[in-house]
Amino acid sequence: MPRLFLDTTVLIDALRGRAAADRLRSLRPGTEPPFVCAINVEELWRGARREEEAAIRRLLLALQIAPLGRDEGQRAGQWRRDFAAKGITLSQSDCLIAAAAVGVTARLVTGNPADFPMIGLIVEHWPVG
C-alpha cells in the first residue's frame, strides 16, 4: 500500500467521526501510519473545539510527522511562484503540506483536491462532510 499523507480536511473529518474515520480504521493492520506535518498540526489546534483536544492528541500520536525543511520550502516556493506566473494563487500552507507529502513520497489524501494542482504530487480524493 502506498504511503499516505493526510490533509487537514481529512483529519477534521476523522476527528468528527465522519467518512474519513471509517477509511482510516479500514487501513490494513501493519500498514505504515499516515503522515502529517507541522502545518496540519497547527491547523487542527487553531480550529479545535475544547471537547476535541484529547481526541486530537490521540490522533496525532498515531501518525508520523513529515519534516518541513529546506527542500520542502524550496519546492513550495517554486510551486507558488510558477502558478502565480500563470495567474493562479496557491496558499502557502497548501504548498508546504504538498511539499512535505512529496518529501516523504506519499499520496496526499484530501477532501479538496482542487487546492493541490502541484506537479509531482499524487492526490487521492477522500470526500468529506
N, C-alpha and C. Protein backbone atom coordinates (compact mmCIF):
# COMPACT_ATOMS: atom_id res chain seq x y z
N MET A 1 0.84 -1.18 0.00
CA MET A 1 0.00 0.00 0.00
C MET A 1 0.89 1.25 0.00
N PRO A 2 0.54 2.25 -0.81
CA PRO A 2 1.36 3.47 -0.84
C PRO A 2 1.27 4.24 0.48
N ARG A 3 2.31 5.01 0.73
CA ARG A 3 2.29 5.89 1.90
C ARG A 3 1.19 6.94 1.72
N LEU A 4 0.58 7.31 2.84
CA LEU A 4 -0.46 8.34 2.82
C LEU A 4 -0.04 9.53 3.67
N PHE A 5 -0.44 10.69 3.22
CA PHE A 5 -0.23 11.94 3.95
C PHE A 5 -1.60 12.59 4.05
N LEU A 6 -2.07 12.84 5.27
CA LEU A 6 -3.43 13.33 5.49
C LEU A 6 -3.49 14.84 5.54
N ASP A 7 -4.32 15.41 4.68
CA ASP A 7 -4.57 16.84 4.71
C ASP A 7 -5.48 17.15 5.89
N THR A 8 -5.52 18.39 6.29
CA THR A 8 -6.30 18.80 7.45
C THR A 8 -7.79 18.53 7.27
N THR A 9 -8.30 18.64 6.03
CA THR A 9 -9.73 18.36 5.81
C THR A 9 -10.07 16.93 6.23
N VAL A 10 -9.19 16.01 5.91
CA VAL A 10 -9.40 14.60 6.25
C VAL A 10 -9.24 14.39 7.75
N LEU A 11 -8.29 15.05 8.36
CA LEU A 11 -8.09 14.93 9.81
C LEU A 11 -9.33 15.42 10.57
N ILE A 12 -9.87 16.54 10.17
CA ILE A 12 -11.07 17.06 10.83
C ILE A 12 -12.24 16.11 10.64
N ASP A 13 -12.40 15.60 9.44
CA ASP A 13 -13.47 14.65 9.15
C ASP A 13 -13.33 13.42 10.04
N ALA A 14 -12.12 12.92 10.19
CA ALA A 14 -11.87 11.74 11.04
C ALA A 14 -12.18 12.04 12.50
N LEU A 15 -11.75 13.18 12.97
CA LEU A 15 -11.99 13.56 14.37
C LEU A 15 -13.47 13.65 14.69
N ARG A 16 -14.24 14.06 13.73
CA ARG A 16 -15.68 14.25 13.95
C ARG A 16 -16.49 13.00 13.62
N GLY A 17 -15.78 11.87 13.40
CA GLY A 17 -16.45 10.59 13.21
C GLY A 17 -17.14 10.42 11.87
N ARG A 18 -16.72 11.16 10.89
CA ARG A 18 -17.34 11.09 9.56
C ARG A 18 -16.63 10.06 8.70
N ALA A 19 -16.82 10.15 7.38
CA ALA A 19 -16.34 9.14 6.44
C ALA A 19 -14.85 8.83 6.55
N ALA A 20 -14.04 9.83 6.76
CA ALA A 20 -12.58 9.61 6.83
C ALA A 20 -12.22 8.71 8.01
N ALA A 21 -12.98 8.78 9.10
CA ALA A 21 -12.70 7.93 10.26
C ALA A 21 -12.81 6.47 9.87
N ASP A 22 -13.85 6.13 9.12
CA ASP A 22 -14.04 4.74 8.67
C ASP A 22 -12.92 4.32 7.72
N ARG A 23 -12.52 5.21 6.83
CA ARG A 23 -11.45 4.87 5.90
C ARG A 23 -10.13 4.66 6.63
N LEU A 24 -9.84 5.47 7.62
CA LEU A 24 -8.61 5.29 8.39
C LEU A 24 -8.64 3.98 9.17
N ARG A 25 -9.78 3.67 9.76
CA ARG A 25 -9.90 2.41 10.50
C ARG A 25 -9.77 1.19 9.59
N SER A 26 -10.11 1.36 8.31
CA SER A 26 -10.07 0.24 7.38
C SER A 26 -8.67 -0.03 6.81
N LEU A 27 -7.70 0.82 7.14
CA LEU A 27 -6.33 0.57 6.68
C LEU A 27 -5.86 -0.76 7.25
N ARG A 28 -5.17 -1.53 6.44
CA ARG A 28 -4.72 -2.85 6.86
C ARG A 28 -3.83 -2.79 8.09
N PRO A 29 -4.04 -3.73 9.01
CA PRO A 29 -3.14 -3.79 10.18
C PRO A 29 -1.70 -3.98 9.69
N GLY A 30 -0.80 -3.34 10.37
CA GLY A 30 0.61 -3.43 9.99
C GLY A 30 1.00 -2.43 8.92
N THR A 31 0.02 -1.69 8.39
CA THR A 31 0.31 -0.66 7.39
C THR A 31 1.04 0.49 8.07
N GLU A 32 1.96 1.07 7.36
CA GLU A 32 2.69 2.23 7.89
C GLU A 32 1.70 3.34 8.24
N PRO A 33 1.82 3.95 9.42
CA PRO A 33 0.89 5.04 9.78
C PRO A 33 1.00 6.19 8.79
N PRO A 34 -0.12 6.87 8.52
CA PRO A 34 -0.09 8.04 7.64
C PRO A 34 0.76 9.16 8.23
N PHE A 35 1.12 10.07 7.35
CA PHE A 35 1.91 11.25 7.73
C PHE A 35 1.04 12.49 7.84
N VAL A 36 1.52 13.44 8.60
CA VAL A 36 1.06 14.83 8.64
C VAL A 36 2.32 15.66 8.83
N CYS A 37 2.17 16.98 8.80
CA CYS A 37 3.31 17.85 9.09
C CYS A 37 2.88 18.92 10.10
N ALA A 38 3.82 19.76 10.46
CA ALA A 38 3.55 20.80 11.46
C ALA A 38 2.42 21.74 11.03
N ILE A 39 2.25 21.95 9.74
CA ILE A 39 1.17 22.81 9.26
C ILE A 39 -0.18 22.20 9.62
N ASN A 40 -0.33 20.89 9.38
CA ASN A 40 -1.59 20.22 9.72
C ASN A 40 -1.86 20.29 11.22
N VAL A 41 -0.81 20.08 12.01
CA VAL A 41 -0.95 20.12 13.47
C VAL A 41 -1.44 21.51 13.89
N GLU A 42 -0.82 22.55 13.35
CA GLU A 42 -1.23 23.91 13.69
C GLU A 42 -2.67 24.18 13.27
N GLU A 43 -3.05 23.74 12.07
CA GLU A 43 -4.42 23.96 11.60
C GLU A 43 -5.44 23.24 12.47
N LEU A 44 -5.11 22.03 12.90
CA LEU A 44 -6.02 21.30 13.80
C LEU A 44 -6.21 22.04 15.11
N TRP A 45 -5.10 22.46 15.71
CA TRP A 45 -5.19 23.13 17.01
C TRP A 45 -5.86 24.50 16.89
N ARG A 46 -5.62 25.19 15.80
CA ARG A 46 -6.23 26.51 15.61
C ARG A 46 -7.75 26.41 15.57
N GLY A 47 -8.28 25.35 14.95
CA GLY A 47 -9.72 25.21 14.83
C GLY A 47 -10.35 24.28 15.86
N ALA A 48 -9.56 23.84 16.84
CA ALA A 48 -10.03 22.83 17.79
C ALA A 48 -11.13 23.36 18.71
N ARG A 49 -12.10 22.52 18.92
CA ARG A 49 -13.09 22.76 19.96
C ARG A 49 -12.50 22.18 21.24
N ARG A 50 -12.78 22.78 22.36
CA ARG A 50 -12.21 22.32 23.64
C ARG A 50 -12.47 20.83 23.86
N GLU A 51 -13.66 20.37 23.54
CA GLU A 51 -14.01 18.97 23.77
C GLU A 51 -13.30 18.01 22.82
N GLU A 52 -12.62 18.53 21.79
CA GLU A 52 -11.89 17.69 20.84
C GLU A 52 -10.41 17.53 21.19
N GLU A 53 -9.91 18.27 22.16
CA GLU A 53 -8.47 18.31 22.40
C GLU A 53 -7.87 16.95 22.73
N ALA A 54 -8.52 16.15 23.56
CA ALA A 54 -7.99 14.83 23.89
C ALA A 54 -7.95 13.94 22.65
N ALA A 55 -8.98 14.01 21.83
CA ALA A 55 -9.03 13.21 20.61
C ALA A 55 -7.95 13.64 19.62
N ILE A 56 -7.68 14.95 19.56
CA ILE A 56 -6.62 15.44 18.69
C ILE A 56 -5.28 14.88 19.14
N ARG A 57 -5.02 14.92 20.43
CA ARG A 57 -3.75 14.38 20.94
C ARG A 57 -3.61 12.90 20.58
N ARG A 58 -4.67 12.11 20.78
CA ARG A 58 -4.62 10.67 20.46
C ARG A 58 -4.38 10.45 18.97
N LEU A 59 -5.10 11.20 18.14
CA LEU A 59 -4.95 11.05 16.70
C LEU A 59 -3.52 11.38 16.27
N LEU A 60 -3.00 12.49 16.73
CA LEU A 60 -1.66 12.90 16.30
C LEU A 60 -0.58 11.93 16.77
N LEU A 61 -0.78 11.31 17.93
CA LEU A 61 0.20 10.32 18.41
C LEU A 61 0.23 9.07 17.53
N ALA A 62 -0.85 8.82 16.81
CA ALA A 62 -0.92 7.64 15.94
C ALA A 62 -0.36 7.89 14.54
N LEU A 63 0.06 9.12 14.27
CA LEU A 63 0.53 9.50 12.94
C LEU A 63 2.02 9.82 12.95
N GLN A 64 2.62 9.77 11.76
CA GLN A 64 4.02 10.15 11.61
C GLN A 64 4.09 11.63 11.23
N ILE A 65 5.15 12.28 11.66
CA ILE A 65 5.35 13.69 11.32
C ILE A 65 6.40 13.78 10.22
N ALA A 66 6.00 14.37 9.10
CA ALA A 66 6.92 14.57 7.98
C ALA A 66 7.70 15.87 8.21
N PRO A 67 8.96 15.88 7.85
CA PRO A 67 9.76 17.09 8.06
C PRO A 67 9.39 18.21 7.09
N LEU A 68 9.59 19.41 7.55
CA LEU A 68 9.50 20.60 6.71
C LEU A 68 10.84 21.31 6.82
N GLY A 69 11.65 21.11 5.83
CA GLY A 69 12.99 21.70 5.85
C GLY A 69 13.25 22.50 4.60
N ARG A 70 14.51 22.67 4.30
CA ARG A 70 14.94 23.48 3.17
C ARG A 70 14.36 22.98 1.84
N ASP A 71 14.45 21.68 1.59
CA ASP A 71 13.96 21.14 0.31
C ASP A 71 12.46 21.37 0.15
N GLU A 72 11.71 21.15 1.22
CA GLU A 72 10.26 21.34 1.16
C GLU A 72 9.92 22.83 0.96
N GLY A 73 10.66 23.69 1.64
CA GLY A 73 10.46 25.13 1.45
C GLY A 73 10.75 25.57 0.03
N GLN A 74 11.81 25.04 -0.53
CA GLN A 74 12.15 25.38 -1.92
C GLN A 74 11.06 24.90 -2.87
N ARG A 75 10.64 23.65 -2.70
CA ARG A 75 9.61 23.09 -3.58
C ARG A 75 8.32 23.91 -3.48
N ALA A 76 7.90 24.23 -2.26
CA ALA A 76 6.67 25.01 -2.06
C ALA A 76 6.79 26.39 -2.70
N GLY A 77 7.92 27.04 -2.51
CA GLY A 77 8.12 28.37 -3.08
C GLY A 77 8.13 28.36 -4.60
N GLN A 78 8.74 27.34 -5.17
CA GLN A 78 8.76 27.23 -6.63
C GLN A 78 7.36 27.00 -7.18
N TRP A 79 6.57 26.15 -6.52
CA TRP A 79 5.18 25.94 -6.96
C TRP A 79 4.40 27.24 -6.92
N ARG A 80 4.49 27.96 -5.81
CA ARG A 80 3.74 29.21 -5.68
C ARG A 80 4.16 30.21 -6.75
N ARG A 81 5.45 30.32 -6.97
CA ARG A 81 5.97 31.24 -7.99
C ARG A 81 5.49 30.84 -9.38
N ASP A 82 5.62 29.55 -9.72
CA ASP A 82 5.26 29.09 -11.06
C ASP A 82 3.76 29.22 -11.32
N PHE A 83 2.94 28.90 -10.34
CA PHE A 83 1.49 29.04 -10.53
C PHE A 83 1.09 30.51 -10.56
N ALA A 84 1.74 31.35 -9.75
CA ALA A 84 1.44 32.78 -9.77
C ALA A 84 1.72 33.38 -11.15
N ALA A 85 2.76 32.89 -11.82
CA ALA A 85 3.09 33.37 -13.16
C ALA A 85 1.97 33.05 -14.15
N LYS A 86 1.15 32.05 -13.83
CA LYS A 86 0.00 31.67 -14.67
C LYS A 86 -1.29 32.32 -14.18
N GLY A 87 -1.18 33.18 -13.16
CA GLY A 87 -2.37 33.83 -12.61
C GLY A 87 -3.13 33.00 -11.60
N ILE A 88 -2.50 31.95 -11.07
CA ILE A 88 -3.15 31.06 -10.09
C ILE A 88 -2.49 31.25 -8.74
N THR A 89 -3.29 31.60 -7.74
CA THR A 89 -2.77 31.80 -6.39
C THR A 89 -2.95 30.53 -5.58
N LEU A 90 -1.86 30.00 -5.07
CA LEU A 90 -1.88 28.84 -4.17
C LEU A 90 -1.52 29.32 -2.78
N SER A 91 -2.13 28.72 -1.77
CA SER A 91 -1.83 29.14 -0.40
C SER A 91 -0.48 28.58 0.04
N GLN A 92 0.15 29.34 0.90
CA GLN A 92 1.44 28.91 1.45
C GLN A 92 1.29 27.59 2.19
N SER A 93 0.25 27.49 3.02
CA SER A 93 0.08 26.26 3.82
C SER A 93 -0.16 25.06 2.92
N ASP A 94 -0.98 25.19 1.88
CA ASP A 94 -1.22 24.06 0.98
C ASP A 94 0.06 23.64 0.26
N CYS A 95 0.85 24.62 -0.16
CA CYS A 95 2.11 24.29 -0.84
C CYS A 95 3.09 23.59 0.09
N LEU A 96 3.17 24.03 1.34
CA LEU A 96 4.06 23.37 2.30
C LEU A 96 3.58 21.97 2.64
N ILE A 97 2.28 21.79 2.79
CA ILE A 97 1.72 20.45 3.03
C ILE A 97 2.04 19.54 1.85
N ALA A 98 1.80 20.02 0.64
CA ALA A 98 2.08 19.23 -0.55
C ALA A 98 3.57 18.89 -0.65
N ALA A 99 4.42 19.85 -0.35
CA ALA A 99 5.87 19.61 -0.42
C ALA A 99 6.30 18.58 0.62
N ALA A 100 5.69 18.62 1.80
CA ALA A 100 6.00 17.62 2.83
C ALA A 100 5.58 16.23 2.36
N ALA A 101 4.42 16.14 1.70
CA ALA A 101 3.96 14.84 1.18
C ALA A 101 4.92 14.29 0.13
N VAL A 102 5.34 15.16 -0.79
CA VAL A 102 6.30 14.74 -1.81
C VAL A 102 7.62 14.33 -1.15
N GLY A 103 8.01 15.05 -0.12
CA GLY A 103 9.27 14.77 0.57
C GLY A 103 9.35 13.40 1.20
N VAL A 104 8.20 12.85 1.59
CA VAL A 104 8.18 11.50 2.19
C VAL A 104 7.61 10.47 1.21
N THR A 105 7.49 10.88 -0.05
CA THR A 105 6.98 10.01 -1.13
C THR A 105 5.63 9.42 -0.76
N ALA A 106 4.69 10.30 -0.42
CA ALA A 106 3.36 9.86 -0.01
C ALA A 106 2.29 10.49 -0.89
N ARG A 107 1.16 9.81 -0.98
CA ARG A 107 -0.03 10.37 -1.64
C ARG A 107 -0.67 11.35 -0.68
N LEU A 108 -1.08 12.49 -1.17
CA LEU A 108 -1.79 13.45 -0.34
C LEU A 108 -3.28 13.12 -0.38
N VAL A 109 -3.83 12.80 0.76
CA VAL A 109 -5.25 12.46 0.89
C VAL A 109 -5.97 13.72 1.36
N THR A 110 -6.94 14.19 0.56
CA THR A 110 -7.61 15.45 0.87
C THR A 110 -9.07 15.43 0.46
N GLY A 111 -9.85 16.27 1.10
CA GLY A 111 -11.22 16.49 0.68
C GLY A 111 -11.32 17.61 -0.34
N ASN A 112 -10.20 18.31 -0.58
CA ASN A 112 -10.16 19.45 -1.50
C ASN A 112 -9.08 19.25 -2.57
N PRO A 113 -9.26 18.31 -3.49
CA PRO A 113 -8.20 18.06 -4.47
C PRO A 113 -7.88 19.26 -5.36
N ALA A 114 -8.85 20.14 -5.59
CA ALA A 114 -8.60 21.30 -6.44
C ALA A 114 -7.57 22.26 -5.84
N ASP A 115 -7.36 22.17 -4.52
CA ASP A 115 -6.37 23.03 -3.87
C ASP A 115 -4.93 22.57 -4.10
N PHE A 116 -4.77 21.41 -4.72
CA PHE A 116 -3.44 20.80 -4.84
C PHE A 116 -3.13 20.39 -6.29
N PRO A 117 -2.97 21.39 -7.19
CA PRO A 117 -2.66 21.07 -8.59
C PRO A 117 -1.16 20.94 -8.87
N MET A 118 -0.36 20.79 -7.82
CA MET A 118 1.09 20.83 -7.96
C MET A 118 1.63 19.66 -8.79
N ILE A 119 2.59 19.97 -9.61
CA ILE A 119 3.25 18.96 -10.43
C ILE A 119 4.14 18.10 -9.54
N GLY A 120 4.06 16.78 -9.74
CA GLY A 120 4.86 15.86 -8.95
C GLY A 120 4.17 15.37 -7.70
N LEU A 121 2.96 15.83 -7.44
CA LEU A 121 2.19 15.44 -6.26
C LEU A 121 1.09 14.47 -6.68
N ILE A 122 0.97 13.36 -5.98
CA ILE A 122 -0.13 12.42 -6.23
C ILE A 122 -1.21 12.71 -5.19
N VAL A 123 -2.42 13.01 -5.67
CA VAL A 123 -3.53 13.38 -4.80
C VAL A 123 -4.58 12.27 -4.84
N GLU A 124 -5.07 11.91 -3.66
CA GLU A 124 -6.15 10.94 -3.53
C GLU A 124 -7.32 11.66 -2.85
N HIS A 125 -8.47 11.66 -3.53
CA HIS A 125 -9.64 12.37 -3.02
C HIS A 125 -10.45 11.48 -2.09
N TRP A 126 -10.59 11.93 -0.84
CA TRP A 126 -11.49 11.30 0.12
C TRP A 126 -12.58 12.33 0.40
N PRO A 127 -13.76 12.16 -0.17
CA PRO A 127 -14.83 13.12 0.10
C PRO A 127 -15.08 13.25 1.61
N VAL A 128 -15.31 14.46 2.06
CA VAL A 128 -15.52 14.72 3.48
C VAL A 128 -16.87 15.40 3.68
N GLY A 129 -17.29 15.41 4.95
CA GLY A 129 -18.52 16.13 5.27
C GLY A 129 -19.64 15.25 5.74
